[in-house]
Amino acid sequence: MAGQFDPTEMIARFKERASAVKRRPLPPVAGEERQMFLNQAQTDFQDFAMIADANAAIEDGFLVLRVDLRPPDTKA
């Protein structure tokens, strides 16, 4: 599979997923259900965006995602 799998294509798909979450229309819900939907959308966006920002590589047959979680002012 490693020969056919392109991690940069996967990263591009996650970027699109993060963008899609931001465009996701709010369903006709109110109250607690509305807040649950908004919370889930935020979690989805965060997860997709984090993967979309990763540097991906295949190392010894393993997919390795590197995500720099340091604050911007501490990055080299």
N, C-alpha and C. Protein backbone atom coordinates (compact mmCIF):
# COMPACT_ATOMS: atom_id res chain seq x y z
N MET A 1 0.82 -1.20 0.00
CA MET A 1 0.00 0.00 0.00
C MET A 1 0.86 1.26 0.00
N ALA A 2 2.00 1.22 0.67
CA ALA A 2 2.83 2.41 0.78
C ALA A 2 3.26 2.93 -0.58
N GLY A 3 3.43 2.05 -1.57
CA GLY A 3 3.82 2.47 -2.89
C GLY A 3 2.72 3.22 -3.63
N GLN A 4 1.47 2.97 -3.29
CA GLN A 4 0.33 3.59 -3.95
C GLN A 4 -0.24 4.76 -3.16
N PHE A 5 0.07 4.84 -1.93
CA PHE A 5 -0.50 5.86 -1.04
C PHE A 5 0.33 7.13 -1.12
N ASP A 6 -0.34 8.26 -1.34
CA ASP A 6 0.34 9.55 -1.39
C ASP A 6 -0.13 10.39 -0.20
N PRO A 7 0.74 10.56 0.80
CA PRO A 7 0.31 11.31 1.99
C PRO A 7 -0.05 12.76 1.68
N THR A 8 0.53 13.34 0.66
CA THR A 8 0.17 14.74 0.33
C THR A 8 -1.26 14.82 -0.17
N GLU A 9 -1.73 13.78 -0.86
CA GLU A 9 -3.13 13.75 -1.28
C GLU A 9 -4.06 13.62 -0.07
N MET A 10 -3.64 12.83 0.91
CA MET A 10 -4.44 12.69 2.14
C MET A 10 -4.54 14.04 2.85
N ILE A 11 -3.41 14.74 2.95
CA ILE A 11 -3.40 16.05 3.60
C ILE A 11 -4.35 17.00 2.87
N ALA A 12 -4.34 16.97 1.55
CA ALA A 12 -5.24 17.83 0.77
C ALA A 12 -6.71 17.49 1.06
N ARG A 13 -7.01 16.21 1.22
CA ARG A 13 -8.39 15.82 1.56
C ARG A 13 -8.79 16.36 2.93
N PHE A 14 -7.88 16.34 3.87
CA PHE A 14 -8.20 16.86 5.21
C PHE A 14 -8.38 18.37 5.17
N LYS A 15 -7.62 19.07 4.33
CA LYS A 15 -7.82 20.52 4.17
C LYS A 15 -9.21 20.80 3.65
N GLU A 16 -9.65 20.01 2.68
CA GLU A 16 -11.00 20.18 2.14
C GLU A 16 -12.06 19.86 3.18
N ARG A 17 -11.83 18.83 3.99
CA ARG A 17 -12.78 18.50 5.05
C ARG A 17 -12.89 19.63 6.07
N ALA A 18 -11.78 20.22 6.44
CA ALA A 18 -11.80 21.34 7.39
C ALA A 18 -12.59 22.50 6.79
N SER A 19 -12.36 22.77 5.52
CA SER A 19 -13.08 23.85 4.85
C SER A 19 -14.58 23.53 4.78
N ALA A 20 -14.91 22.29 4.51
CA ALA A 20 -16.32 21.88 4.42
C ALA A 20 -17.04 22.05 5.75
N VAL A 21 -16.34 21.80 6.85
CA VAL A 21 -16.97 21.98 8.17
C VAL A 21 -17.36 23.45 8.35
N LYS A 22 -16.49 24.35 7.92
CA LYS A 22 -16.78 25.78 8.07
C LYS A 22 -17.97 26.19 7.20
N ARG A 23 -18.18 25.50 6.08
CA ARG A 23 -19.29 25.83 5.18
C ARG A 23 -20.56 25.07 5.53
N ARG A 24 -20.48 24.14 6.46
CA ARG A 24 -21.61 23.28 6.82
C ARG A 24 -22.78 24.14 7.32
N PRO A 25 -23.94 24.01 6.71
CA PRO A 25 -25.08 24.80 7.18
C PRO A 25 -25.58 24.30 8.53
N LEU A 26 -26.09 25.21 9.28
CA LEU A 26 -26.65 24.87 10.59
C LEU A 26 -28.04 24.29 10.39
N PRO A 27 -28.28 23.08 10.86
CA PRO A 27 -29.62 22.49 10.69
C PRO A 27 -30.64 23.23 11.57
N PRO A 28 -31.89 23.02 11.28
CA PRO A 28 -32.94 23.70 12.06
C PRO A 28 -33.10 23.07 13.44
N VAL A 29 -32.16 23.35 14.31
CA VAL A 29 -32.22 22.86 15.68
C VAL A 29 -32.09 24.05 16.62
N ALA A 30 -32.54 23.85 17.82
CA ALA A 30 -32.49 24.95 18.79
C ALA A 30 -32.04 24.41 20.14
N GLY A 31 -31.71 25.34 21.00
CA GLY A 31 -31.37 25.01 22.37
C GLY A 31 -30.16 24.12 22.51
N GLU A 32 -30.30 23.09 23.32
CA GLU A 32 -29.20 22.20 23.64
C GLU A 32 -28.69 21.46 22.40
N GLU A 33 -29.59 21.05 21.51
CA GLU A 33 -29.18 20.36 20.29
C GLU A 33 -28.34 21.26 19.40
N ARG A 34 -28.70 22.54 19.34
CA ARG A 34 -27.93 23.49 18.54
C ARG A 34 -26.50 23.60 19.08
N GLN A 35 -26.37 23.71 20.39
CA GLN A 35 -25.05 23.84 21.00
C GLN A 35 -24.23 22.56 20.78
N MET A 36 -24.88 21.41 20.86
CA MET A 36 -24.19 20.15 20.61
C MET A 36 -23.68 20.10 19.17
N PHE A 37 -24.49 20.56 18.22
CA PHE A 37 -24.07 20.59 16.82
C PHE A 37 -22.88 21.53 16.64
N LEU A 38 -22.94 22.71 17.25
CA LEU A 38 -21.85 23.67 17.14
C LEU A 38 -20.56 23.13 17.77
N ASN A 39 -20.69 22.48 18.91
CA ASN A 39 -19.52 21.89 19.57
C ASN A 39 -18.90 20.81 18.70
N GLN A 40 -19.74 19.97 18.09
CA GLN A 40 -19.23 18.91 17.23
C GLN A 40 -18.56 19.50 15.99
N ALA A 41 -19.13 20.54 15.43
CA ALA A 41 -18.52 21.19 14.26
C ALA A 41 -17.16 21.75 14.61
N GLN A 42 -17.03 22.34 15.78
CA GLN A 42 -15.74 22.89 16.20
C GLN A 42 -14.70 21.78 16.37
N THR A 43 -15.12 20.67 16.98
CA THR A 43 -14.22 19.54 17.16
C THR A 43 -13.81 18.95 15.81
N ASP A 44 -14.78 18.80 14.90
CA ASP A 44 -14.48 18.29 13.56
C ASP A 44 -13.47 19.20 12.87
N PHE A 45 -13.73 20.51 12.91
CA PHE A 45 -12.82 21.45 12.26
C PHE A 45 -11.43 21.34 12.85
N GLN A 46 -11.34 21.32 14.17
CA GLN A 46 -10.03 21.26 14.84
C GLN A 46 -9.28 20.00 14.43
N ASP A 47 -9.96 18.86 14.42
CA ASP A 47 -9.30 17.60 14.05
C ASP A 47 -8.84 17.62 12.60
N PHE A 48 -9.72 18.03 11.70
CA PHE A 48 -9.36 18.06 10.28
C PHE A 48 -8.26 19.06 10.01
N ALA A 49 -8.34 20.23 10.63
CA ALA A 49 -7.33 21.27 10.40
C ALA A 49 -5.97 20.84 10.95
N MET A 50 -5.96 20.13 12.06
CA MET A 50 -4.70 19.68 12.63
C MET A 50 -4.01 18.70 11.67
N ILE A 51 -4.76 17.76 11.14
CA ILE A 51 -4.18 16.82 10.18
C ILE A 51 -3.76 17.57 8.92
N ALA A 52 -4.58 18.54 8.49
CA ALA A 52 -4.27 19.30 7.28
C ALA A 52 -2.97 20.09 7.42
N ASP A 53 -2.61 20.46 8.63
CA ASP A 53 -1.38 21.21 8.88
C ASP A 53 -0.17 20.31 9.12
N ALA A 54 -0.39 19.01 9.12
CA ALA A 54 0.69 18.07 9.42
C ALA A 54 1.65 17.93 8.25
N ASN A 55 2.87 17.58 8.59
CA ASN A 55 3.84 17.14 7.59
C ASN A 55 3.76 15.62 7.59
N ALA A 56 3.44 15.05 6.43
CA ALA A 56 3.25 13.61 6.35
C ALA A 56 4.40 12.97 5.59
N ALA A 57 4.77 11.78 6.05
CA ALA A 57 5.81 11.01 5.38
C ALA A 57 5.56 9.53 5.64
N ILE A 58 6.08 8.72 4.78
CA ILE A 58 6.05 7.28 5.00
C ILE A 58 7.47 6.88 5.37
N GLU A 59 7.62 6.36 6.58
CA GLU A 59 8.93 5.99 7.10
C GLU A 59 8.90 4.53 7.53
N ASP A 60 9.69 3.71 6.90
CA ASP A 60 9.76 2.28 7.21
C ASP A 60 8.38 1.62 7.18
N GLY A 61 7.55 2.05 6.23
CA GLY A 61 6.22 1.46 6.10
C GLY A 61 5.17 2.06 7.02
N PHE A 62 5.53 3.06 7.81
CA PHE A 62 4.59 3.71 8.72
C PHE A 62 4.24 5.09 8.19
N LEU A 63 2.97 5.45 8.27
CA LEU A 63 2.56 6.82 7.98
C LEU A 63 2.89 7.65 9.21
N VAL A 64 3.72 8.66 9.04
CA VAL A 64 4.13 9.51 10.15
C VAL A 64 3.59 10.91 9.90
N LEU A 65 2.81 11.41 10.84
CA LEU A 65 2.29 12.77 10.77
C LEU A 65 2.96 13.59 11.85
N ARG A 66 3.58 14.68 11.46
CA ARG A 66 4.22 15.57 12.42
C ARG A 66 3.41 16.86 12.47
N VAL A 67 2.92 17.14 13.67
CA VAL A 67 2.12 18.33 13.89
C VAL A 67 2.81 19.17 14.95
N ASP A 68 3.20 20.38 14.58
CA ASP A 68 3.89 21.27 15.51
C ASP A 68 2.84 21.98 16.36
N LEU A 69 2.78 21.61 17.62
CA LEU A 69 1.79 22.18 18.54
C LEU A 69 2.37 23.29 19.41
N ARG A 70 3.62 23.66 19.12
CA ARG A 70 4.22 24.74 19.91
C ARG A 70 3.54 26.06 19.58
N PRO A 71 3.50 26.98 20.54
CA PRO A 71 2.96 28.32 20.26
C PRO A 71 3.77 28.98 19.14
N PRO A 72 3.13 29.81 18.32
CA PRO A 72 3.80 30.44 17.19
C PRO A 72 5.10 31.16 17.56
N ASP A 73 5.17 31.78 18.71
CA ASP A 73 6.36 32.55 19.08
C ASP A 73 7.54 31.66 19.50
N THR A 74 7.33 30.35 19.62
CA THR A 74 8.43 29.46 20.01
C THR A 74 8.89 28.57 18.86
N LYS A 75 8.27 28.71 17.69
CA LYS A 75 8.66 27.89 16.54
C LYS A 75 9.91 28.45 15.91
N ALA A 76 10.74 27.54 15.46
CA ALA A 76 12.01 27.95 14.84
C ALA A 76 11.81 28.36 13.41
